[in-house]
Protein backbone atom coordinates (compact mmCIF):
# COMPACT_ATOMS: atom_id res chain seq x y z
CA MET A 1 99.51 110.89 99.45
CA SER A 2 100.65 111.17 95.89
CA ILE A 3 97.76 110.16 93.36
CA ARG A 4 96.37 111.19 90.16
CA PHE A 5 92.65 111.46 90.13
CA ARG A 6 90.91 111.16 86.73
CA ASN A 7 88.04 113.63 85.70
CA TRP A 8 88.41 115.85 89.16
CA ALA A 9 86.74 119.02 87.82
CA PRO A 10 86.96 122.34 90.23
CA LEU A 11 82.85 121.61 90.04
CA THR A 12 83.36 118.27 91.52
CA VAL A 13 85.95 119.30 94.52
CA LEU A 14 83.33 122.02 95.41
CA ILE A 15 80.32 119.33 95.44
CA ALA A 16 82.60 116.66 97.70
CA ALA A 17 82.96 119.85 100.11
CA LEU A 18 79.63 120.34 100.75
CA LEU A 19 78.82 116.43 101.36
CA LEU A 20 81.60 115.76 103.43
CA PRO A 21 80.74 113.20 106.44
CA SER A 22 81.10 114.10 110.28
CA PRO A 23 84.44 115.44 111.74
CA ASP A 24 85.16 112.04 113.36
CA SER A 25 85.82 110.05 110.26
CA ALA A 26 87.70 110.47 107.19
CA ARG A 27 87.08 112.61 104.62
CA ALA A 28 85.99 111.47 101.40
CA GLU A 29 88.67 112.28 99.42
CA ASP A 30 90.94 110.57 101.41
CA LEU A 31 90.05 107.61 98.86
CA PRO A 32 92.25 107.49 95.78
CA GLY A 33 91.03 107.85 93.03
CA HIS A 34 92.24 104.61 91.46
CA VAL A 35 89.91 102.56 93.84
CA SER A 36 87.14 102.93 91.42
CA TYR A 37 84.64 100.08 90.03
CA SER A 38 86.33 101.37 86.42
CA SER A 39 89.88 100.81 87.63
CA LEU A 40 89.42 97.52 89.19
CA CYS A 41 87.73 95.80 86.21
CA CYS A 42 89.30 97.64 83.17
CA LEU A 43 92.35 99.60 84.04
CA ILE A 44 93.85 99.16 80.43
CA GLU A 45 90.48 101.62 78.98
CA THR A 46 91.47 103.75 82.30
CA LEU A 47 95.05 104.07 81.45
CA LYS A 48 94.60 104.52 77.61
CA SER A 49 92.17 107.31 78.77
CA ASP A 50 95.18 108.80 80.45
CA GLY A 51 97.88 108.27 77.56
CA ILE A 52 99.86 106.06 79.75
CA LYS A 53 101.64 103.43 77.40
CA PHE A 54 101.86 99.52 78.60
CA THR A 55 105.33 97.81 78.87
CA PHE A 56 104.54 95.79 75.98
CA GLU A 57 104.78 98.66 73.81
CA THR A 58 107.62 100.24 75.53
CA GLY A 59 109.91 97.54 75.65
CA GLU A 60 110.73 98.32 79.45
CA ILE A 61 110.25 94.61 80.01
CA GLN A 62 112.42 91.94 78.97
CA GLN A 63 111.64 88.36 79.41
CA LEU A 64 114.35 85.98 80.56
CA ASP A 65 114.90 82.39 80.37
CA ASP A 66 114.80 80.13 82.97
CA LYS A 67 118.82 80.08 83.62
CA ALA A 68 118.06 83.59 85.35
CA ILE A 69 117.81 81.91 88.44
CA SER A 70 120.86 81.21 88.98
CA HIS A 71 120.95 84.84 90.26
CA TRP A 72 119.48 83.82 93.18
CA GLU A 73 122.25 80.89 93.31
CA GLY A 74 123.35 80.73 96.80
CA ARG A 75 120.62 83.71 98.19
CA THR A 76 116.94 83.73 99.27
CA PHE A 77 114.33 83.24 96.51
CA LEU A 78 110.76 83.12 96.65
CA PHE A 79 108.39 80.73 95.76
CA MET A 80 104.26 80.04 95.92
CA LYS A 81 102.25 77.15 96.51
CA PRO A 82 99.58 76.29 94.66
CA GLU A 83 97.24 75.35 97.72
CA ASN A 84 97.98 78.91 99.12
CA ALA A 85 98.29 81.34 95.76
CA ARG A 86 98.41 84.63 98.33
CA GLN A 87 101.46 84.08 99.92
CA LEU A 88 104.86 83.77 98.58
CA PHE A 89 107.36 81.38 100.55
CA SER A 90 111.17 81.95 101.08
CA MET A 91 113.89 79.27 100.75
CA LYS A 92 117.72 80.01 99.97
CA ILE A 93 118.61 78.34 96.52
CA GLN A 94 121.77 76.19 96.60
CA SER A 95 120.99 74.30 93.41
CA ALA A 96 118.63 76.51 90.55
CA ARG A 97 118.36 73.70 88.33
CA GLN A 98 116.88 71.50 90.91
CA ARG A 99 114.65 74.03 92.05
CA LEU A 100 112.87 74.79 88.82
CA GLN A 101 112.33 71.25 88.55
CA ARG A 102 110.54 71.11 91.90
CA GLN A 103 108.34 74.51 90.55
CA HIS A 104 107.38 72.02 88.01
CA LEU A 105 106.58 69.41 90.26
CA GLU A 106 104.31 71.92 92.29
CA HIS A 107 102.18 73.07 89.35
CA THR A 108 103.05 76.39 89.71
CA THR A 109 104.56 78.85 87.33
CA VAL A 110 107.63 81.31 87.80
CA GLU A 111 108.97 83.76 84.81
CA PHE A 112 112.05 85.76 84.96
CA GLN A 113 111.69 89.46 83.82
CA ARG A 114 114.41 92.19 83.52
CA LEU A 115 112.53 95.82 84.09
CA ARG A 116 114.57 98.71 83.01
CA LEU A 117 113.70 102.22 84.66
CA GLY A 118 115.90 105.22 83.60
CA LYS A 119 119.56 104.06 83.90
CA ARG A 120 118.86 101.13 86.26
CA SER A 121 117.66 97.53 86.10
CA PHE A 122 115.62 95.43 88.17
CA LEU A 123 114.78 91.47 88.34
CA LEU A 124 111.21 90.55 87.88
CA SER A 125 109.94 87.03 89.30
CA VAL A 126 106.47 86.46 88.41
CA TYR A 127 104.60 83.19 89.86
CA SER A 128 101.08 82.30 88.80
CA THR A 129 98.98 79.55 89.49
CA SER A 130 96.51 80.15 87.06
CA PRO A 131 97.02 82.02 83.34
CA VAL A 132 94.96 85.12 84.77
CA SER A 133 96.13 85.89 88.32
CA ARG A 134 99.76 86.22 89.03
CA ALA A 135 102.11 88.06 91.55
CA THR A 136 105.46 89.65 91.30
CA ALA A 137 108.31 90.23 93.09
CA VAL A 138 110.87 92.83 92.27
CA TRP A 139 114.59 92.31 93.08
CA THR A 140 117.68 94.72 92.27
CA SER A 141 120.24 93.46 89.45
CA ASN A 142 121.97 91.75 92.33
CA ALA A 143 119.14 89.57 93.21
CA GLU A 144 118.30 91.59 96.44
CA PHE A 145 114.59 91.67 97.36
CA ARG A 146 112.84 95.22 97.15
CA PHE A 147 109.46 94.47 97.35
CA SER A 148 106.30 92.08 96.31
CA VAL A 149 102.71 92.84 94.84
CA GLN A 150 99.70 91.09 93.63
CA GLY A 151 99.56 91.53 89.96
CA ASP A 152 101.40 91.66 86.66
CA LEU A 153 103.42 94.88 85.63
CA LEU A 154 101.23 96.45 83.23
CA ALA A 155 102.40 99.84 82.50
CA VAL A 156 105.39 102.12 83.63
CA ASP A 157 104.34 106.26 83.48
CA PRO A 158 107.88 107.94 82.79
CA PRO A 159 108.89 111.06 85.23
CA ASN A 160 106.99 114.50 83.54
CA TRP A 161 107.13 118.21 84.45
CA LYS A 162 104.75 117.41 87.70
CA ARG A 163 105.97 114.58 88.80
CA LYS A 164 109.75 113.26 88.78
CA THR A 165 109.28 109.41 89.57
CA PHE A 166 108.63 106.64 87.60
CA ARG A 167 105.17 105.27 88.34
CA LEU A 168 103.94 101.61 88.11
CA TYR A 169 101.07 100.03 87.66
CA PHE A 170 100.14 96.25 88.79
CA TRP A 171 97.09 94.68 87.71
CA ASN A 172 95.19 91.26 87.38
CA PRO A 173 92.84 91.15 84.46
CA THR A 174 90.18 89.48 87.00
CA GLY A 175 90.12 92.81 88.86
CA SER A 176 91.16 91.08 92.06
CA ASP A 177 94.27 93.20 92.24
CA LEU A 178 95.56 96.43 91.39
CA ALA A 179 98.57 98.55 92.80
CA ILE A 180 100.72 101.50 92.08
CA VAL A 181 104.09 101.94 93.15
CA ASP A 182 106.22 105.26 92.16
CA TYR A 183 110.32 104.73 91.96
CA THR A 184 112.70 107.28 92.88
CA PRO A 185 115.48 107.32 90.28
CA GLU A 186 118.00 109.58 92.42
CA LYS A 187 117.61 107.68 95.73
CA GLY A 188 116.44 104.39 94.11
CA ILE A 189 114.00 104.10 96.51
CA PHE A 190 110.27 102.34 95.84
CA ASP A 191 107.50 104.29 97.31
CA PRO A 192 104.10 102.24 97.66
CA ILE A 193 101.05 104.66 96.56
CA LEU A 194 98.16 102.53 96.53
CA ALA A 195 97.08 99.02 96.55
CA VAL A 196 93.65 97.23 95.96
CA PHE A 197 94.24 93.22 96.73
CA HIS A 198 91.95 90.52 96.74
CA SER A 199 88.96 92.49 95.40
CA ASP A 200 86.77 89.27 94.16
CA GLY A 201 83.71 91.36 93.99
CA THR A 202 84.41 93.33 90.62
CA PHE A 203 82.65 90.59 88.24
CA SER A 204 79.41 90.96 86.31
CA ASP A 205 76.84 88.36 86.60
CA GLY A 206 77.35 87.08 83.41
CA SER A 207 74.49 89.23 82.30
CA LYS A 208 74.63 92.71 80.05
CA ASN A 209 73.54 94.60 83.22
CA ASP A 210 76.28 96.83 84.40
CA PRO A 211 76.56 97.98 87.80
CA PHE A 212 75.00 101.80 88.86
CA ILE A 213 78.33 103.63 89.49
CA PRO A 214 77.55 106.92 91.64
CA VAL A 215 78.92 110.23 90.41
CA MET A 216 80.10 110.77 93.87
CA ARG A 217 81.87 107.57 96.14
CA LYS A 218 79.84 108.61 99.33
CA GLN A 219 81.84 107.87 102.75
CA TYR A 220 79.52 105.74 105.54
CA ASN A 221 80.49 104.47 108.81
CA LEU A 222 77.87 102.31 110.46
CA GLU A 223 77.07 101.76 114.15
CA GLU A 224 76.43 97.91 113.57
CA SER A 225 78.45 95.28 111.75
CA ILE A 226 77.98 94.14 107.98
CA GLU A 227 78.23 91.06 106.40
CA LEU A 228 80.52 90.79 103.39
CA PHE A 229 80.39 88.79 100.38
CA ASP A 230 82.42 87.93 97.58
CA HIS A 231 79.48 88.30 94.72
CA PHE A 232 76.07 89.68 94.53
CA SER A 233 74.53 86.57 92.19
CA SER A 234 73.13 83.25 93.71
CA PHE A 235 76.95 81.71 93.80
CA ARG A 236 78.15 84.26 96.43
CA GLN A 237 79.99 83.43 99.25
CA ALA A 238 80.48 85.07 102.79
CA LYS A 239 83.96 86.78 103.09
CA GLY A 240 83.63 87.85 106.81
CA THR A 241 82.20 91.05 108.78
CA LEU A 242 83.09 94.66 108.70
CA LYS A 243 83.05 95.72 112.05
CA ALA A 244 81.17 98.59 113.54
CA ARG A 245 82.09 102.08 113.20
CA THR A 246 84.72 101.24 110.23
CA ASN A 247 84.83 103.69 107.22
CA PHE A 248 83.90 102.73 104.04
CA TRP A 249 83.12 103.71 100.89
CA LEU A 250 80.05 102.72 97.83
CA LEU A 251 81.48 102.32 94.56
CA ALA A 252 78.92 100.75 92.72
CA ASN A 253 74.94 99.36 92.84
CA GLN A 254 73.61 96.55 91.59
CA LYS A 255 69.62 96.08 92.62
CA GLU A 256 69.83 95.63 96.07
CA TRP A 257 73.52 94.73 96.28
CA ASN A 258 76.38 97.38 97.04
CA LEU A 259 79.85 97.22 96.21
CA ILE A 260 82.12 98.88 98.86
CA ALA A 261 85.86 99.69 99.36
CA TYR A 262 87.77 99.60 102.92
CA ARG A 263 90.68 99.64 104.19
CA MET A 264 92.20 95.84 104.75
CA GLN A 265 93.87 94.70 107.67
CA PRO A 266 97.04 92.26 108.28
CA ASP A 267 95.88 88.75 108.72
CA PRO A 268 96.70 88.24 112.22
CA SER A 269 97.58 84.55 111.64
CA ARG A 270 100.58 85.33 109.16
CA ASN A 271 103.95 84.06 109.70
CA GLU A 272 106.13 86.79 110.84
CA LYS A 273 109.07 85.27 109.49
CA GLU A 274 107.81 85.48 105.91
CA ALA A 275 106.06 88.36 106.48
CA VAL A 276 108.49 90.84 104.83
CA PHE A 277 107.77 89.32 101.47
CA GLN A 278 104.21 89.53 101.35
CA PRO A 279 102.47 92.53 99.35
CA GLU A 280 100.57 93.47 102.57
CA THR A 281 103.52 94.25 104.35
CA PHE A 282 105.19 97.01 101.73
CA PHE A 283 101.59 98.33 100.77
CA ALA A 284 100.32 98.17 104.51
CA GLU A 285 99.53 102.10 104.86
CA VAL A 286 97.72 102.68 101.56
CA LEU A 287 96.04 98.78 101.31
CA PHE A 288 92.19 98.21 100.57
CA THR A 289 89.95 95.49 99.52
CA THR A 290 86.18 95.40 98.22
CA ALA A 291 83.42 93.24 99.28
CA TRP A 292 79.54 93.28 98.24
CA ILE A 293 76.93 94.06 101.33
CA ARG A 294 73.29 93.79 101.05
CA LYS A 295 72.37 96.61 102.93
CA ASP A 296 70.35 100.07 102.37
CA LEU A 297 72.68 102.85 102.45
CA ASP A 298 69.93 105.52 101.85
């Protein structure tokens, strides 16, 4: 997996080698560097420290008006339902004007953008049901679907001496979603590098007490199942169970609560017809999520 690790000094690598878990489980360094509390909650600061400029600074994104939907007339377009903002639905557009009117009646917002990567340009449709949580679909200039992703395109890191691809960073400022995609201009191909979706558990509890971030993101694999929560405060809600013998990594501590990351599995109830348009399909092999657990891991 091609991913850039932050602050990964040789001494840290040596320490990691000494702390590897048992051979029957994945190695600790299998967890990409950006699967971290700091990247999820504060990606802007993380990218700034790496010297990566944002799309609003570089001009790589051009905002288009509503007339841009005419690119999809007679073609398949995606839309979002307010009662199910985690999924995109497809339909063939016969009339661009009628589709926009219907979008407004459904109380969802769609914006259109043009992204330039090298000599090529792409269309983006950006969906939202709230000001802070968005999903993006990427299309060719001819409105042919490429992939969708949770989050807004925050930054594009151009090719450099050690990487020949454009690296795209998508993020939702709530800390719920982060994704990284590489684009190879010679081949015109997008490759998924990393995604962390539906990570509701990175918020604070309103106090000024930040969680403790361990130096090493230690890996665990327990014999029993673990109950998962979306938060560590009194407002927490259960979000399922992590099966026994599932690898997970510790990202942060807050009193007796631990924020963990683990690989996200496809929704067994998903609509197979619509699956190709969902972010979880494109990122299936590099997909993580997070949750809080009340478990002593020492």
